[in-house]
Amino acid sequence: MSTAKGSARRTAILDAAERTLVTGGHGALSLRAVAEAAGVRLGHLQYYFPSRDQLVAELLARVLHRSLDQLGAESAATEADPERLVAMLLAQHQDGELVRLFVELWALAARDEAVAAAVRAFYADYGRLVAGQIGGWRPELPVAECLARAEAFVALIEGASLFRSGVAGRASAGTDGQLLSAARLLLLG
């Protein structure tokens, strides 16, 4: 099998795992279910991912790196405008599949220390990106305060995603202005 073909098959398997996680939840994420969704035999899937843990680890790395890459690109593009950064993050909450994916990753993290460690590392990187933005907007603030504000901001934005997307029940309406005001205080206040 060529490297390109192997890479394409790995990608197809990871795509199927992501779909399975979003549509069926973390309990449905078995090697057999992913193989079926990817249209490959279980033995082929196990060639690339011998265990569910290895599949989850690579899926998690892919999802988290994709999110950090997007956040880094967006934060660079919105460097001078904190409201635009917040609006971009809030817009991501409209993607119900993305929110469900993160909810399922959080659920996996509650049960698996390796997943939990990767999720903590992701949020630490996310917080450092936001702290760097805050430091750029408010250079007089000590680094520790920028990091504390960033942690509060990330918690606000991520928690709001559950309610804004409807994953935690009915989607709440009319809170964007309030979220923007709270985020602005954390970022600039």
C-alpha atoms as a PDB file:
ATOM      1  CA  MET A   1       0.000   0.000   0.000  1.00  0.00           C
ATOM      2  CA  SER A   2       1.397   3.386  -0.940  1.00  0.00           C
ATOM      3  CA  THR A   3       1.934   6.094   1.641  1.00  0.00           C
ATOM      4  CA  ALA A   4      -0.675   8.311  -0.022  1.00  0.00           C
ATOM      5  CA  LYS A   5      -3.234   5.502  -0.050  1.00  0.00           C
ATOM      6  CA  GLY A   6      -2.454   4.645   3.583  1.00  0.00           C
ATOM      7  CA  SER A   7      -2.756   8.288   4.589  1.00  0.00           C
ATOM      8  CA  ALA A   8      -6.082   8.575   2.782  1.00  0.00           C
ATOM      9  CA  ARG A   9      -7.381   5.449   4.520  1.00  0.00           C
ATOM     10  CA  ARG A  10      -6.289   6.761   7.961  1.00  0.00           C
ATOM     11  CA  THR A  11      -8.084  10.031   7.205  1.00  0.00           C
ATOM     12  CA  ALA A  12     -11.237   8.180   6.110  1.00  0.00           C
ATOM     13  CA  ILE A  13     -11.182   6.103   9.298  1.00  0.00           C
ATOM     14  CA  LEU A  14     -10.721   9.200  11.462  1.00  0.00           C
ATOM     15  CA  ASP A  15     -13.538  10.945   9.577  1.00  0.00           C
ATOM     16  CA  ALA A  16     -15.779   7.939  10.268  1.00  0.00           C
ATOM     17  CA  ALA A  17     -14.758   7.929  13.938  1.00  0.00           C
ATOM     18  CA  GLU A  18     -15.607  11.610  14.221  1.00  0.00           C
ATOM     19  CA  ARG A  19     -19.028  11.063  12.603  1.00  0.00           C
ATOM     20  CA  THR A  20     -19.671   8.093  14.899  1.00  0.00           C
ATOM     21  CA  LEU A  21     -18.767  10.143  17.963  1.00  0.00           C
ATOM     22  CA  VAL A  22     -21.010  13.043  16.916  1.00  0.00           C
ATOM     23  CA  THR A  23     -24.003  10.939  15.899  1.00  0.00           C
ATOM     24  CA  GLY A  24     -23.823   8.091  18.403  1.00  0.00           C
ATOM     25  CA  GLY A  25     -21.898   9.507  21.334  1.00  0.00           C
ATOM     26  CA  HIS A  26     -18.834   8.186  23.085  1.00  0.00           C
ATOM     27  CA  GLY A  27     -20.610   4.932  23.962  1.00  0.00           C
ATOM     28  CA  ALA A  28     -21.074   4.113  20.270  1.00  0.00           C
ATOM     29  CA  LEU A  29     -17.413   4.647  19.432  1.00  0.00           C
ATOM     30  CA  SER A  30     -16.242   1.064  18.926  1.00  0.00           C
ATOM     31  CA  LEU A  31     -13.736  -0.220  16.393  1.00  0.00           C
ATOM     32  CA  ARG A  32     -16.470  -2.295  14.767  1.00  0.00           C
ATOM     33  CA  ALA A  33     -18.826   0.698  14.430  1.00  0.00           C
ATOM     34  CA  VAL A  34     -16.064   2.884  13.002  1.00  0.00           C
ATOM     35  CA  ALA A  35     -14.994   0.167  10.545  1.00  0.00           C
ATOM     36  CA  GLU A  36     -18.593  -0.137   9.354  1.00  0.00           C
ATOM     37  CA  ALA A  37     -18.945   3.648   9.016  1.00  0.00           C
ATOM     38  CA  ALA A  38     -15.648   3.842   7.115  1.00  0.00           C
ATOM     39  CA  GLY A  39     -16.602   0.968   4.827  1.00  0.00           C
ATOM     40  CA  VAL A  40     -13.560  -1.121   5.760  1.00  0.00           C
ATOM     41  CA  ARG A  41     -13.132  -4.498   7.374  1.00  0.00           C
ATOM     42  CA  LEU A  42     -12.339  -4.503  11.075  1.00  0.00           C
ATOM     43  CA  GLY A  43      -8.925  -6.050  10.329  1.00  0.00           C
ATOM     44  CA  HIS A  44      -8.044  -3.155   8.029  1.00  0.00           C
ATOM     45  CA  LEU A  45      -9.013  -0.633  10.670  1.00  0.00           C
ATOM     46  CA  GLN A  46      -6.929  -2.505  13.260  1.00  0.00           C
ATOM     47  CA  TYR A  47      -3.924  -2.339  10.957  1.00  0.00           C
ATOM     48  CA  TYR A  48      -3.992   1.456  11.413  1.00  0.00           C
ATOM     49  CA  PHE A  49      -5.454   1.597  14.904  1.00  0.00           C
ATOM     50  CA  PRO A  50      -4.884  -1.636  16.855  1.00  0.00           C
ATOM     51  CA  SER A  51      -7.015  -0.462  19.789  1.00  0.00           C
ATOM     52  CA  ARG A  52      -9.861   1.890  20.552  1.00  0.00           C
ATOM     53  CA  ASP A  53      -7.495   3.869  22.778  1.00  0.00           C
ATOM     54  CA  GLN A  54      -5.135   4.485  19.862  1.00  0.00           C
ATOM     55  CA  LEU A  55      -8.034   5.515  17.620  1.00  0.00           C
ATOM     56  CA  VAL A  56      -9.378   7.891  20.266  1.00  0.00           C
ATOM     57  CA  ALA A  57      -5.906   9.362  20.884  1.00  0.00           C
ATOM     58  CA  GLU A  58      -5.367  10.138  17.215  1.00  0.00           C
ATOM     59  CA  LEU A  59      -8.909  11.438  16.738  1.00  0.00           C
ATOM     60  CA  LEU A  60      -8.498  13.670  19.772  1.00  0.00           C
ATOM     61  CA  ALA A  61      -5.153  15.005  18.545  1.00  0.00           C
ATOM     62  CA  ARG A  62      -6.637  15.751  15.130  1.00  0.00           C
ATOM     63  CA  VAL A  63      -9.712  17.545  16.469  1.00  0.00           C
ATOM     64  CA  LEU A  64      -7.793  19.577  19.032  1.00  0.00           C
ATOM     65  CA  HIS A  65      -5.019  20.566  16.623  1.00  0.00           C
ATOM     66  CA  ARG A  66      -7.594  21.586  14.031  1.00  0.00           C
ATOM     67  CA  SER A  67      -9.341  23.803  16.589  1.00  0.00           C
ATOM     68  CA  LEU A  68      -6.091  25.361  17.817  1.00  0.00           C
ATOM     69  CA  ASP A  69      -4.921  26.013  14.259  1.00  0.00           C
ATOM     70  CA  GLN A  70      -8.217  27.739  13.468  1.00  0.00           C
ATOM     71  CA  LEU A  71      -8.132  29.725  16.700  1.00  0.00           C
ATOM     72  CA  GLY A  72      -4.532  30.794  16.066  1.00  0.00           C
ATOM     73  CA  ALA A  73      -5.345  31.921  12.542  1.00  0.00           C
ATOM     74  CA  GLU A  74      -8.483  33.752  13.652  1.00  0.00           C
ATOM     75  CA  SER A  75      -6.771  35.435  16.599  1.00  0.00           C
ATOM     76  CA  ALA A  76      -3.983  36.656  14.318  1.00  0.00           C
ATOM     77  CA  ALA A  77      -6.576  38.021  11.892  1.00  0.00           C
ATOM     78  CA  THR A  78      -8.494  39.755  14.696  1.00  0.00           C
ATOM     79  CA  GLU A  79      -5.458  41.025  16.606  1.00  0.00           C
ATOM     80  CA  ALA A  80      -6.707  44.596  16.923  1.00  0.00           C
ATOM     81  CA  ASP A  81     -10.379  43.807  17.469  1.00  0.00           C
ATOM     82  CA  PRO A  82     -11.414  41.809  20.545  1.00  0.00           C
ATOM     83  CA  GLU A  83     -15.104  41.988  19.648  1.00  0.00           C
ATOM     84  CA  ARG A  84     -14.401  40.359  16.289  1.00  0.00           C
ATOM     85  CA  LEU A  85     -12.530  37.520  18.042  1.00  0.00           C
ATOM     86  CA  VAL A  86     -15.433  36.962  20.431  1.00  0.00           C
ATOM     87  CA  ALA A  87     -17.948  37.104  17.577  1.00  0.00           C
ATOM     88  CA  MET A  88     -15.916  34.481  15.672  1.00  0.00           C
ATOM     89  CA  LEU A  89     -15.854  32.171  18.693  1.00  0.00           C
ATOM     90  CA  LEU A  90     -19.575  32.650  19.296  1.00  0.00           C
ATOM     91  CA  ALA A  91     -20.275  31.901  15.627  1.00  0.00           C
ATOM     92  CA  GLN A  92     -18.567  28.527  16.051  1.00  0.00           C
ATOM     93  CA  HIS A  93     -21.243  27.645  18.618  1.00  0.00           C
ATOM     94  CA  GLN A  94     -23.796  27.648  15.839  1.00  0.00           C
ATOM     95  CA  ASP A  95     -22.114  24.508  14.491  1.00  0.00           C
ATOM     96  CA  GLY A  96     -24.067  21.919  16.468  1.00  0.00           C
ATOM     97  CA  GLU A  97     -21.875  19.064  15.238  1.00  0.00           C
ATOM     98  CA  LEU A  98     -18.717  20.790  16.472  1.00  0.00           C
ATOM     99  CA  VAL A  99     -20.286  21.432  19.872  1.00  0.00           C
ATOM    100  CA  ARG A 100     -21.532  17.817  20.106  1.00  0.00           C
ATOM    101  CA  LEU A 101     -18.051  16.620  19.182  1.00  0.00           C
ATOM    102  CA  PHE A 102     -16.514  18.600  22.038  1.00  0.00           C
ATOM    103  CA  VAL A 103     -19.222  17.461  24.465  1.00  0.00           C
ATOM    104  CA  GLU A 104     -18.403  13.854  23.594  1.00  0.00           C
ATOM    105  CA  LEU A 105     -14.672  14.526  23.971  1.00  0.00           C
ATOM    106  CA  TRP A 106     -15.355  16.023  27.414  1.00  0.00           C
ATOM    107  CA  ALA A 107     -17.355  12.893  28.285  1.00  0.00           C
ATOM    108  CA  LEU A 108     -14.464  10.696  27.170  1.00  0.00           C
ATOM    109  CA  ALA A 109     -12.087  12.848  29.222  1.00  0.00           C
ATOM    110  CA  ALA A 110     -14.194  12.192  32.321  1.00  0.00           C
ATOM    111  CA  ARG A 111     -13.537   8.463  31.912  1.00  0.00           C
ATOM    112  CA  ASP A 112     -10.044   8.292  30.434  1.00  0.00           C
ATOM    113  CA  GLU A 113      -7.011   9.996  31.973  1.00  0.00           C
ATOM    114  CA  ALA A 114      -5.068  10.049  28.678  1.00  0.00           C
ATOM    115  CA  VAL A 115      -7.947  11.849  26.965  1.00  0.00           C
ATOM    116  CA  ALA A 116      -8.297  14.159  29.978  1.00  0.00           C
ATOM    117  CA  ALA A 117      -4.592  15.048  29.803  1.00  0.00           C
ATOM    118  CA  ALA A 118      -4.879  15.873  26.097  1.00  0.00           C
ATOM    119  CA  VAL A 119      -7.977  17.999  26.697  1.00  0.00           C
ATOM    120  CA  ARG A 120      -6.217  19.855  29.553  1.00  0.00           C
ATOM    121  CA  ALA A 121      -3.221  20.503  27.272  1.00  0.00           C
ATOM    122  CA  PHE A 122      -5.584  21.810  24.573  1.00  0.00           C
ATOM    123  CA  TYR A 123      -7.239  24.240  26.974  1.00  0.00           C
ATOM    124  CA  ALA A 124      -3.865  25.349  28.322  1.00  0.00           C
ATOM    125  CA  ASP A 125      -2.778  26.179  24.747  1.00  0.00           C
ATOM    126  CA  TYR A 126      -6.117  27.886  24.088  1.00  0.00           C
ATOM    127  CA  GLY A 127      -5.687  29.926  27.268  1.00  0.00           C
ATOM    128  CA  ARG A 128      -2.142  30.938  26.316  1.00  0.00           C
ATOM    129  CA  LEU A 129      -3.341  32.133  22.899  1.00  0.00           C
ATOM    130  CA  VAL A 130      -6.045  34.242  24.525  1.00  0.00           C
ATOM    131  CA  ALA A 131      -3.636  35.507  27.223  1.00  0.00           C
ATOM    132  CA  GLY A 132      -1.266  36.631  24.462  1.00  0.00           C
ATOM    133  CA  GLN A 133      -4.120  38.554  22.856  1.00  0.00           C
ATOM    134  CA  ILE A 134      -5.034  40.166  26.176  1.00  0.00           C
ATOM    135  CA  GLY A 135      -1.406  41.121  26.743  1.00  0.00           C
ATOM    136  CA  GLY A 136      -1.347  42.763  23.314  1.00  0.00           C
ATOM    137  CA  TRP A 137      -4.474  44.759  24.075  1.00  0.00           C
ATOM    138  CA  ARG A 138      -3.484  45.540  27.680  1.00  0.00           C
ATOM    139  CA  PRO A 139       0.343  45.528  27.842  1.00  0.00           C
ATOM    140  CA  GLU A 140       0.319  47.011  31.361  1.00  0.00           C
ATOM    141  CA  LEU A 141      -1.234  43.826  32.806  1.00  0.00           C
ATOM    142  CA  PRO A 142       1.063  41.254  34.423  1.00  0.00           C
ATOM    143  CA  VAL A 143       1.306  37.912  32.628  1.00  0.00           C
ATOM    144  CA  ALA A 144      -0.387  36.119  35.537  1.00  0.00           C
ATOM    145  CA  GLU A 145      -3.424  38.393  35.269  1.00  0.00           C
ATOM    146  CA  CYS A 146      -3.585  37.901  31.496  1.00  0.00           C
ATOM    147  CA  LEU A 147      -3.568  34.137  32.055  1.00  0.00           C
ATOM    148  CA  ALA A 148      -6.257  34.353  34.761  1.00  0.00           C
ATOM    149  CA  ARG A 149      -8.466  36.506  32.546  1.00  0.00           C
ATOM    150  CA  ALA A 150      -7.882  34.113  29.657  1.00  0.00           C
ATOM    151  CA  GLU A 151      -8.941  31.110  31.761  1.00  0.00           C
ATOM    152  CA  ALA A 152     -12.140  32.896  32.786  1.00  0.00           C
ATOM    153  CA  PHE A 153     -12.788  33.930  29.174  1.00  0.00           C
ATOM    154  CA  VAL A 154     -12.304  30.371  27.879  1.00  0.00           C
ATOM    155  CA  ALA A 155     -14.626  29.009  30.583  1.00  0.00           C
ATOM    156  CA  LEU A 156     -17.252  31.616  29.668  1.00  0.00           C
ATOM    157  CA  ILE A 157     -17.065  30.917  25.938  1.00  0.00           C
ATOM    158  CA  GLU A 158     -16.925  27.117  26.241  1.00  0.00           C
ATOM    159  CA  GLY A 159     -19.705  26.967  28.823  1.00  0.00           C
ATOM    160  CA  ALA A 160     -21.861  29.246  26.714  1.00  0.00           C
ATOM    161  CA  SER A 161     -21.434  26.865  23.783  1.00  0.00           C
ATOM    162  CA  LEU A 162     -23.565  24.263  25.554  1.00  0.00           C
ATOM    163  CA  PHE A 163     -26.483  26.631  25.928  1.00  0.00           C
ATOM    164  CA  ARG A 164     -26.161  28.584  22.688  1.00  0.00           C
ATOM    165  CA  SER A 165     -26.021  25.441  20.553  1.00  0.00           C
ATOM    166  CA  GLY A 166     -28.985  23.754  22.200  1.00  0.00           C
ATOM    167  CA  VAL A 167     -26.896  20.733  23.230  1.00  0.00           C
ATOM    168  CA  ALA A 168     -27.783  21.318  26.900  1.00  0.00           C
ATOM    169  CA  GLY A 169     -31.451  21.783  26.104  1.00  0.00           C
ATOM    170  CA  ARG A 170     -33.253  24.480  24.200  1.00  0.00           C
ATOM    171  CA  ALA A 171     -30.901  26.998  22.592  1.00  0.00           C
ATOM    172  CA  SER A 172     -30.982  30.250  24.501  1.00  0.00           C
ATOM    173  CA  ALA A 173     -31.836  33.370  22.557  1.00  0.00           C
ATOM    174  CA  GLY A 174     -30.784  36.951  23.058  1.00  0.00           C
ATOM    175  CA  THR A 175     -27.643  36.300  25.099  1.00  0.00           C
ATOM    176  CA  ASP A 176     -25.007  37.298  22.551  1.00  0.00           C
ATOM    177  CA  GLY A 177     -25.004  40.907  23.753  1.00  0.00           C
ATOM    178  CA  GLN A 178     -24.561  39.803  27.348  1.00  0.00           C
ATOM    179  CA  LEU A 179     -21.810  37.361  26.419  1.00  0.00           C
ATOM    180  CA  LEU A 180     -20.057  40.010  24.382  1.00  0.00           C
ATOM    181  CA  SER A 181     -20.221  42.452  27.318  1.00  0.00           C
ATOM    182  CA  ALA A 182     -18.842  39.877  29.773  1.00  0.00           C
ATOM    183  CA  ALA A 183     -16.135  38.802  27.333  1.00  0.00           C
ATOM    184  CA  ARG A 184     -15.151  42.426  26.710  1.00  0.00           C
ATOM    185  CA  LEU A 185     -14.737  42.959  30.466  1.00  0.00           C
ATOM    186  CA  LEU A 186     -12.515  39.899  30.742  1.00  0.00           C
ATOM    187  CA  LEU A 187     -10.449  40.814  27.705  1.00  0.00           C
ATOM    188  CA  LEU A 188     -10.139  44.572  28.129  1.00  0.00           C
ATOM    189  CA  GLY A 189     -11.707  45.646  31.442  1.00  0.00           C
END
